[in-house]
Amino acid sequence: MNQAEIADLEHSLRSNGHELVDLSGNPDVCVVNTCTVTAKSDYQSRQLIRKSARSGARVIVTGCYSDMNPVSVSKMDLVEHVVNNANKDSIISYIDNNVKVRDNVLTRGSRTRYFLKVQDGCDHSCTYCMVWKARGMSRSIAMDKAVDMARRASEQGYNEIVLTGVHLGLYGQDINSGLTLADLVEELLSSTDIRRLRLSSLEINEITPRLLDVFMDSRVCPHLHIPLQSGDSGVLSEMNRAYDRDLFRERVLEIVSRTGDIALGTDIIAGFPTETEEAYENTLSLASELPFTYMHVFPYSSRPGTVACGLTDIAGHGRRKQRASMLRELAGWKKQDYLKANKDRTLEVLFEKKEYDGLWAGTSGNYIRVKARGRDNLEGHLCKVRIREVANGHLLGDLENTT
């Protein structure tokens, strides 16, 4: 979702005549969009603010970390302006009104994928999370606005649109109790010329049979990311998650039976404060059993101000680190097995960039990194690629056609 917000800001800056450069390009202004998901992301946000200041630019800070720590961020050296999440749209006018720039050059942005933020905020309150505090209650954009934005992105040459939000599965509920994410996806497919549509992270109990039906359309990427967080019902209750172990398992198996060869990703938190050895083993066994194609594993990060921060920590740093390592090892095996299963298949790949090895790299519909050799500029093109071998964490293949 942060990528969606940054993409919108980039588009607005370019439309207003500004040129986007990296930190080595002597920028006039740096806008840092911060995150507060973990203690590590807090640290990385502070580091990037300092790095931006060292570039000599005037620094504007926004995002969840600065929302939760506005005073300390505003006191950081060379931070000129702090903008809360609700007022991100004001960043452009602030730059135009307060910053003298050297040149105004309109540049063309990337034409790979367009991140369409259709929802913000969260009505749930997971006990380990600060984001629902930073982002507020769930808010959706109107369906006609989402369709118009998708249509314009398609007309501008984007071949993949990613629907995103803080809690995407809540889309529409704040507008109309009968409006759902499935309504939006169906409307996007029927009313636009989108070549490829991808759904970002969704909660297991928000993936309805009707939503699964949209995967019958070949334009919808066969890929779902469904956070598990823990495979133990007791820990899930302590986390204030809206499902238990049995419900998650049942729903995932139902998804696989209905959609067939779909890529399934997940998030897992290792070492939640109340996670016993038995609870961890429950997570490990469930993650082993379910057909995940990749797993994002995070050691639990204590967030001051959350309910979980006040729990007695029986897991401890050492066990937390060890458990995360074992889960990541499992994730590596699962990913490798899935890569092997795609050998000799033909996948549709959206190419993003040419890498140092001279090969073009992109992402398949089922969310695999694929590389192929091509003489033409393949950036932003959808190509059929015949997979011939498994490499180090990705697939290698040969182009069949380009569109």
Protein backbone atom coordinates (compact mmCIF):
# COMPACT_ATOMS: atom_id res chain seq x y z
CA MET A 1 0.00 0.00 0.00
CA ASN A 2 2.95 2.32 0.65
CA GLN A 3 4.02 1.62 -2.92
CA ALA A 4 0.58 2.71 -4.10
CA GLU A 5 0.84 5.98 -2.19
CA ILE A 6 4.34 6.67 -3.47
CA ALA A 7 3.27 5.89 -7.04
CA ASP A 8 0.42 8.41 -6.74
CA LEU A 9 2.82 11.01 -5.35
CA GLU A 10 5.32 10.35 -8.16
CA HIS A 11 2.59 10.76 -10.75
CA SER A 12 1.41 14.03 -9.20
CA LEU A 13 4.95 15.40 -9.00
CA ARG A 14 5.66 14.56 -12.62
CA SER A 15 2.31 16.01 -13.70
CA ASN A 16 3.27 19.24 -11.94
CA GLY A 17 6.53 19.42 -13.86
CA HIS A 18 8.96 18.03 -11.30
CA GLU A 19 11.75 15.60 -12.07
CA LEU A 20 12.29 12.55 -9.87
CA VAL A 21 15.91 11.68 -9.03
CA ASP A 22 17.63 9.39 -6.56
CA LEU A 23 19.58 10.63 -3.55
CA SER A 24 22.79 10.88 -5.57
CA GLY A 25 21.06 13.17 -8.06
CA ASN A 26 21.30 16.34 -5.94
CA PRO A 27 17.57 16.57 -5.07
CA ASP A 28 15.89 19.77 -3.91
CA VAL A 29 13.35 17.85 -1.83
CA CYS A 30 13.15 14.37 -0.32
CA VAL A 31 9.77 12.98 0.72
CA VAL A 32 10.14 10.04 3.11
CA ASN A 33 7.06 7.81 3.49
CA THR A 34 7.67 5.99 6.77
CA CYS A 35 6.42 2.69 8.18
CA THR A 36 5.85 1.43 11.72
CA VAL A 37 5.02 -2.25 11.23
CA THR A 38 8.06 -3.42 13.22
CA ALA A 39 10.86 -1.95 15.32
CA LYS A 40 13.14 -2.59 12.35
CA SER A 41 10.93 -0.50 10.05
CA ASP A 42 10.99 2.31 12.65
CA TYR A 43 14.79 2.17 12.62
CA GLN A 44 14.91 2.07 8.81
CA SER A 45 12.58 5.08 8.64
CA ARG A 46 14.86 7.10 10.93
CA GLN A 47 17.91 6.05 8.94
CA LEU A 48 16.33 7.08 5.65
CA ILE A 49 15.31 10.45 7.08
CA ARG A 50 18.93 11.06 8.16
CA LYS A 51 20.27 9.85 4.82
CA SER A 52 17.89 12.19 3.00
CA ALA A 53 19.04 15.11 5.16
CA ARG A 54 22.69 14.34 4.35
CA SER A 55 21.89 14.74 0.65
CA GLY A 56 21.36 18.44 1.27
CA ALA A 57 17.68 18.29 0.33
CA ARG A 58 14.81 19.79 2.25
CA VAL A 59 13.15 16.81 3.97
CA ILE A 60 9.40 16.20 4.19
CA VAL A 61 8.31 13.22 6.30
CA THR A 62 4.98 11.42 6.23
CA GLY A 63 3.60 7.93 6.93
CA CYS A 64 2.78 5.79 9.93
CA TYR A 65 6.03 6.15 11.89
CA SER A 66 5.86 9.94 11.82
CA ASP A 67 2.13 9.82 12.62
CA MET A 68 2.87 7.91 15.82
CA ASN A 69 5.97 9.99 16.68
CA PRO A 70 5.31 13.48 15.27
CA VAL A 71 7.26 15.44 17.90
CA SER A 72 10.45 13.37 17.78
CA VAL A 73 10.42 13.29 13.96
CA SER A 74 9.89 17.05 13.68
CA LYS A 75 12.91 17.57 15.95
CA MET A 76 15.23 15.49 13.76
CA ASP A 77 17.96 17.52 12.08
CA LEU A 78 16.93 19.15 8.79
CA VAL A 79 13.37 17.80 8.82
CA GLU A 80 11.41 20.74 7.44
CA HIS A 81 7.84 19.48 7.44
CA VAL A 82 5.87 16.52 8.84
CA VAL A 83 2.62 15.58 7.09
CA ASN A 84 0.12 13.18 8.65
CA ASN A 85 -1.40 10.32 6.67
CA ALA A 86 -4.74 12.06 6.27
CA ASN A 87 -3.15 15.06 4.56
CA LYS A 88 -0.72 13.39 2.15
CA ASP A 89 -2.49 15.12 -0.74
CA SER A 90 -1.14 18.44 0.58
CA ILE A 91 2.49 17.48 -0.08
CA ILE A 92 2.38 18.67 -3.70
CA SER A 93 0.97 22.08 -2.84
CA TYR A 94 3.49 22.46 0.00
CA ILE A 95 6.38 21.78 -2.38
CA ASP A 96 4.96 24.12 -5.02
CA ASN A 97 4.36 26.93 -2.51
CA ASN A 98 7.43 26.63 -0.29
CA VAL A 99 10.30 25.11 -2.23
CA LYS A 100 12.23 26.84 -4.98
CA VAL A 101 13.37 24.22 -7.48
CA ARG A 102 16.16 24.51 -10.02
CA ASP A 103 14.44 22.97 -13.01
CA ASN A 104 11.02 21.66 -13.98
CA VAL A 105 11.42 18.66 -16.26
CA LEU A 106 8.55 16.30 -17.03
CA THR A 107 9.79 12.70 -17.09
CA ARG A 108 8.09 9.47 -18.00
CA GLY A 109 7.46 7.07 -15.15
CA SER A 110 7.68 3.28 -15.05
CA ARG A 111 5.16 1.33 -17.11
CA THR A 112 5.25 -1.99 -15.31
CA ARG A 113 2.53 -2.26 -12.68
CA TYR A 114 0.12 0.27 -11.21
CA PHE A 115 -0.68 0.06 -7.49
CA LEU A 116 -4.28 1.14 -7.05
CA LYS A 117 -5.07 1.97 -3.41
CA VAL A 118 -8.81 1.45 -3.00
CA GLN A 119 -8.94 1.28 0.80
CA ASP A 120 -7.15 2.72 3.82
CA GLY A 121 -7.38 2.13 7.56
CA CYS A 122 -8.43 -0.90 9.60
CA ASP A 123 -11.41 -1.67 11.87
CA HIS A 124 -9.62 -4.59 13.52
CA SER A 125 -7.13 -4.28 16.36
CA CYS A 126 -4.54 -7.06 16.30
CA THR A 127 -2.71 -6.86 19.63
CA TYR A 128 0.78 -6.72 18.06
CA CYS A 129 -0.04 -4.01 15.50
CA MET A 130 0.28 -0.21 15.47
CA VAL A 131 -0.94 0.34 11.92
CA TRP A 132 -4.65 0.44 12.81
CA LYS A 133 -3.82 3.22 15.28
CA ALA A 134 -1.76 5.14 12.73
CA ARG A 135 -4.23 4.74 9.86
CA GLY A 136 -7.60 5.01 11.60
CA MET A 137 -10.88 3.35 10.64
CA SER A 138 -11.47 1.69 7.28
CA ARG A 139 -12.19 4.05 4.38
CA SER A 140 -12.85 3.03 0.78
CA ILE A 141 -12.81 5.03 -2.42
CA ALA A 142 -15.98 5.02 -4.53
CA MET A 143 -16.25 2.23 -7.06
CA ASP A 144 -16.63 4.59 -10.02
CA LYS A 145 -13.45 6.42 -8.97
CA ALA A 146 -11.52 3.14 -8.70
CA VAL A 147 -12.75 2.06 -12.14
CA ASP A 148 -11.81 5.44 -13.63
CA MET A 149 -8.30 5.27 -12.12
CA ALA A 150 -7.85 1.72 -13.42
CA ARG A 151 -9.08 2.70 -16.86
CA ARG A 152 -6.65 5.62 -17.05
CA ALA A 153 -3.76 3.44 -15.86
CA SER A 154 -4.55 0.90 -18.57
CA GLU A 155 -4.73 3.65 -21.21
CA GLN A 156 -1.35 4.96 -20.05
CA GLY A 157 0.25 1.61 -20.76
CA TYR A 158 0.26 -0.23 -17.45
CA ASN A 159 -0.20 -3.94 -18.07
CA GLU A 160 -0.82 -4.96 -14.46
CA ILE A 161 -2.92 -3.31 -11.76
CA VAL A 162 -2.49 -4.33 -8.12
CA LEU A 163 -5.45 -3.65 -5.84
CA THR A 164 -4.16 -2.68 -2.44
CA GLY A 165 -5.15 -1.28 0.95
CA VAL A 166 -4.32 -1.53 4.65
CA HIS A 167 -7.13 -4.08 4.99
CA LEU A 168 -8.24 -4.73 1.42
CA GLY A 169 -10.94 -7.24 2.34
CA LEU A 170 -12.93 -4.48 4.08
CA TYR A 171 -13.38 -2.64 0.80
CA GLY A 172 -16.83 -1.09 0.40
CA GLN A 173 -18.26 -1.82 3.85
CA ASP A 174 -17.96 1.81 4.95
CA ILE A 175 -19.74 2.98 1.77
CA ASN A 176 -22.54 0.43 1.57
CA SER A 177 -23.09 -2.62 3.75
CA GLY A 178 -23.76 -4.68 0.63
CA LEU A 179 -20.71 -3.53 -1.34
CA THR A 180 -17.77 -5.96 -1.40
CA LEU A 181 -14.35 -6.42 -2.93
CA ALA A 182 -15.85 -8.99 -5.30
CA ASP A 183 -18.19 -6.27 -6.66
CA LEU A 184 -15.22 -4.03 -7.36
CA VAL A 185 -13.17 -6.75 -9.07
CA GLU A 186 -16.10 -7.80 -11.26
CA GLU A 187 -16.69 -4.17 -12.27
CA LEU A 188 -13.02 -3.61 -13.07
CA LEU A 189 -12.95 -6.70 -15.27
CA SER A 190 -16.14 -5.80 -17.13
CA SER A 191 -15.57 -2.05 -17.51
CA THR A 192 -11.86 -1.74 -18.29
CA ASP A 193 -9.26 -3.21 -20.63
CA ILE A 194 -6.97 -4.29 -17.79
CA ARG A 195 -4.51 -6.88 -19.09
CA ARG A 196 -3.71 -8.30 -15.66
CA LEU A 197 -5.22 -7.73 -12.20
CA ARG A 198 -3.60 -8.80 -8.93
CA LEU A 199 -5.05 -8.76 -5.41
CA SER A 200 -2.76 -7.90 -2.52
CA SER A 201 -2.97 -9.34 1.00
CA LEU A 202 -6.39 -10.63 2.15
CA GLU A 203 -7.60 -12.12 5.42
CA ILE A 204 -8.73 -15.75 5.23
CA ASN A 205 -12.31 -15.10 6.38
CA GLU A 206 -12.78 -12.38 3.72
CA ILE A 207 -12.07 -14.66 0.76
CA THR A 208 -15.63 -15.56 -0.19
CA PRO A 209 -16.80 -18.12 -2.77
CA ARG A 210 -17.86 -15.21 -4.98
CA LEU A 211 -14.41 -13.67 -4.78
CA LEU A 212 -12.86 -17.01 -5.70
CA ASP A 213 -15.09 -17.08 -8.79
CA VAL A 214 -13.22 -14.08 -10.27
CA PHE A 215 -10.11 -16.25 -10.56
CA MET A 216 -11.85 -18.04 -13.40
CA ASP A 217 -11.06 -14.93 -15.47
CA SER A 218 -7.60 -15.41 -16.98
CA ARG A 219 -6.77 -11.73 -16.37
CA VAL A 220 -6.83 -12.23 -12.59
CA CYS A 221 -3.42 -13.39 -11.39
CA PRO A 222 -3.55 -16.88 -9.82
CA HIS A 223 -2.03 -15.62 -6.61
CA LEU A 224 -3.30 -14.94 -3.09
CA HIS A 225 -1.41 -13.69 -0.05
CA ILE A 226 -3.17 -14.84 3.13
CA PRO A 227 -1.55 -13.97 6.49
CA LEU A 228 -1.50 -16.88 8.94
CA GLN A 229 0.59 -15.18 11.70
CA SER A 230 0.36 -18.27 13.94
CA GLY A 231 -0.78 -21.86 13.59
CA ASP A 232 -1.86 -22.12 17.23
CA SER A 233 -5.42 -21.26 18.21
CA GLY A 234 -4.43 -19.96 21.63
CA VAL A 235 -1.85 -17.57 20.19
CA LEU A 236 -4.27 -16.45 17.48
CA SER A 237 -6.77 -15.57 20.22
CA GLU A 238 -4.07 -13.59 22.08
CA MET A 239 -3.30 -11.80 18.80
CA ASN A 240 -7.02 -10.96 18.39
CA ARG A 241 -7.11 -12.60 14.98
CA ALA A 242 -10.59 -13.43 13.63
CA TYR A 243 -10.02 -17.17 13.02
CA ASP A 244 -8.52 -20.22 14.66
CA ARG A 245 -6.19 -22.93 13.38
CA ASP A 246 -8.96 -25.24 12.12
CA LEU A 247 -10.83 -22.50 10.26
CA PHE A 248 -7.67 -21.29 8.52
CA ARG A 249 -6.72 -24.81 7.45
CA GLU A 250 -10.24 -25.59 6.19
CA ARG A 251 -10.49 -22.36 4.18
CA VAL A 252 -7.05 -22.73 2.56
CA LEU A 253 -7.83 -26.27 1.43
CA GLU A 254 -11.16 -25.03 0.05
CA ILE A 255 -9.37 -22.28 -1.91
CA VAL A 256 -6.97 -24.79 -3.43
CA SER A 257 -9.76 -27.20 -4.35
CA ARG A 258 -11.72 -24.41 -6.08
CA THR A 259 -8.90 -22.60 -7.86
CA GLY A 260 -6.45 -25.38 -8.65
CA ASP A 261 -2.91 -24.23 -9.36
CA ILE A 262 -2.85 -20.98 -7.39
CA ALA A 263 0.19 -19.47 -5.69
CA LEU A 264 -0.40 -19.00 -1.96
CA GLY A 265 1.79 -16.76 0.16
CA THR A 266 1.56 -16.06 3.87
CA ASP A 267 3.00 -14.09 6.79
CA ILE A 268 4.05 -15.74 10.06
CA ILE A 269 5.15 -14.09 13.30
CA ALA A 270 7.70 -16.20 15.20
CA GLY A 271 7.94 -15.90 18.97
CA PHE A 272 4.82 -14.00 19.95
CA PRO A 273 5.21 -13.33 23.71
CA THR A 274 2.82 -16.12 24.79
CA GLU A 275 4.06 -18.65 22.22
CA THR A 276 5.02 -21.87 24.03
CA GLU A 277 7.09 -24.61 22.44
CA GLU A 278 3.87 -26.53 21.74
CA ALA A 279 2.29 -23.46 20.13
CA TYR A 280 5.36 -23.00 17.93
CA GLU A 281 5.22 -26.68 16.90
CA ASN A 282 1.56 -26.17 15.93
CA THR A 283 2.61 -23.30 13.68
CA LEU A 284 5.45 -25.30 12.14
CA SER A 285 3.22 -28.31 11.46
CA LEU A 286 0.41 -26.25 9.90
CA ALA A 287 2.83 -24.27 7.75
CA SER A 288 4.39 -27.55 6.63
CA GLU A 289 1.02 -29.10 5.77
CA LEU A 290 -0.54 -26.24 3.81
CA PRO A 291 0.51 -25.65 0.18
CA PHE A 292 2.20 -22.29 0.65
CA THR A 293 4.48 -21.34 -2.22
CA TYR A 294 6.32 -18.70 -0.20
CA MET A 295 6.31 -17.53 3.41
CA HIS A 296 7.29 -14.17 4.90
CA VAL A 297 8.58 -14.91 8.40
CA PHE A 298 8.98 -12.11 10.94
CA PRO A 299 10.33 -12.48 14.49
CA TYR A 300 7.88 -10.82 16.85
CA SER A 301 8.63 -7.11 17.25
CA SER A 302 7.44 -5.42 20.44
CA ARG A 303 5.54 -2.21 19.67
CA PRO A 304 5.12 0.17 22.65
CA GLY A 305 1.47 1.10 23.01
CA THR A 306 0.14 -2.28 21.87
CA VAL A 307 -1.60 -4.86 24.06
CA ALA A 308 1.02 -7.49 23.18
CA CYS A 309 3.79 -5.26 24.48
CA GLY A 310 2.35 -5.69 27.98
CA LEU A 311 2.25 -9.49 27.89
CA THR A 312 4.77 -11.59 29.78
CA ASP A 313 7.36 -12.65 27.24
CA ILE A 314 7.85 -16.39 27.71
CA ALA A 315 9.33 -16.84 24.23
CA GLY A 316 12.40 -14.64 24.65
CA HIS A 317 14.85 -13.30 22.09
CA GLY A 318 16.86 -16.51 21.67
CA ARG A 319 13.88 -18.78 21.00
CA ARG A 320 12.30 -16.12 18.79
CA LYS A 321 15.38 -15.98 16.58
CA GLN A 322 15.69 -19.78 16.46
CA ARG A 323 12.03 -20.30 15.58
CA ALA A 324 12.15 -17.68 12.83
CA SER A 325 15.22 -19.37 11.37
CA MET A 326 13.52 -22.78 11.28
CA LEU A 327 10.39 -21.34 9.66
CA ARG A 328 12.52 -19.57 7.05
CA GLU A 329 14.26 -22.83 6.30
CA LEU A 330 10.85 -24.42 5.71
CA ALA A 331 9.90 -21.46 3.51
CA GLY A 332 13.03 -22.04 1.42
CA TRP A 333 12.11 -25.68 0.82
CA LYS A 334 8.56 -24.80 -0.14
CA LYS A 335 9.66 -22.10 -2.55
CA GLN A 336 12.19 -24.40 -4.19
CA ASP A 337 9.58 -27.15 -4.60
CA TYR A 338 7.19 -24.68 -6.23
CA LEU A 339 9.88 -23.42 -8.60
CA LYS A 340 10.59 -27.00 -9.68
CA ALA A 341 6.87 -27.60 -10.26
CA ASN A 342 6.86 -24.79 -12.83
CA LYS A 343 9.71 -26.19 -14.91
CA ASP A 344 8.67 -26.85 -18.55
CA ARG A 345 5.54 -24.72 -18.13
CA THR A 346 4.73 -21.59 -20.12
CA LEU A 347 4.11 -18.58 -17.87
CA GLU A 348 2.95 -15.06 -18.64
CA VAL A 349 5.59 -12.67 -17.33
CA LEU A 350 5.47 -8.91 -16.84
CA PHE A 351 9.04 -7.74 -17.37
CA GLU A 352 10.33 -4.95 -15.16
CA LYS A 353 14.03 -4.34 -15.77
CA LYS A 354 17.27 -5.56 -17.34
CA GLU A 355 19.64 -6.83 -14.69
CA TYR A 356 23.42 -6.89 -14.38
CA ASP A 357 23.66 -10.33 -16.00
CA GLY A 358 22.11 -8.99 -19.21
CA LEU A 359 18.84 -10.87 -18.66
CA TRP A 360 15.42 -9.27 -18.41
CA ALA A 361 13.67 -9.95 -15.08
CA GLY A 362 9.96 -9.92 -14.37
CA THR A 363 7.15 -11.48 -12.38
CA SER A 364 4.79 -14.22 -13.54
CA GLY A 365 1.08 -14.20 -12.86
CA ASN A 366 1.64 -16.79 -10.13
CA TYR A 367 4.21 -14.52 -8.47
CA ILE A 368 7.51 -16.09 -9.47
CA ARG A 369 10.63 -14.16 -10.44
CA VAL A 370 11.46 -15.11 -14.03
CA LYS A 371 14.46 -14.17 -16.18
CA ALA A 372 14.87 -14.43 -19.95
CA ARG A 373 17.13 -13.07 -22.66
CA GLY A 374 15.70 -10.54 -25.09
CA ARG A 375 17.27 -8.11 -27.55
CA ASP A 376 14.41 -5.62 -27.40
CA ASN A 377 13.41 -3.37 -24.52
CA LEU A 378 10.98 -5.57 -22.56
CA GLU A 379 10.17 -3.16 -19.73
CA GLY A 380 6.44 -3.21 -19.06
CA HIS A 381 5.71 -5.92 -21.66
CA LEU A 382 3.69 -9.06 -20.98
CA CYS A 383 5.46 -12.04 -22.52
CA LYS A 384 4.88 -15.77 -22.76
CA VAL A 385 7.97 -17.51 -21.40
CA ARG A 386 8.76 -21.21 -21.63
CA ILE A 387 10.51 -22.23 -18.41
CA ARG A 388 13.59 -24.38 -18.96
CA GLU A 389 15.41 -24.42 -15.61
CA VAL A 390 15.37 -23.46 -11.96
CA ALA A 391 18.08 -21.01 -10.91
CA ASN A 392 18.98 -19.43 -7.58
CA GLY A 393 15.56 -18.43 -6.25
CA HIS A 394 14.06 -17.76 -9.68
CA LEU A 395 13.27 -19.37 -13.03
CA LEU A 396 15.05 -19.10 -16.37
CA GLY A 397 13.15 -19.36 -19.63
CA ASP A 398 12.87 -18.50 -23.30
CA LEU A 399 10.55 -15.91 -24.83
CA GLU A 400 7.65 -17.21 -26.89
CA ASN A 401 5.94 -13.90 -27.71
CA THR A 402 5.67 -10.28 -26.54
CA THR A 403 2.59 -8.07 -26.15
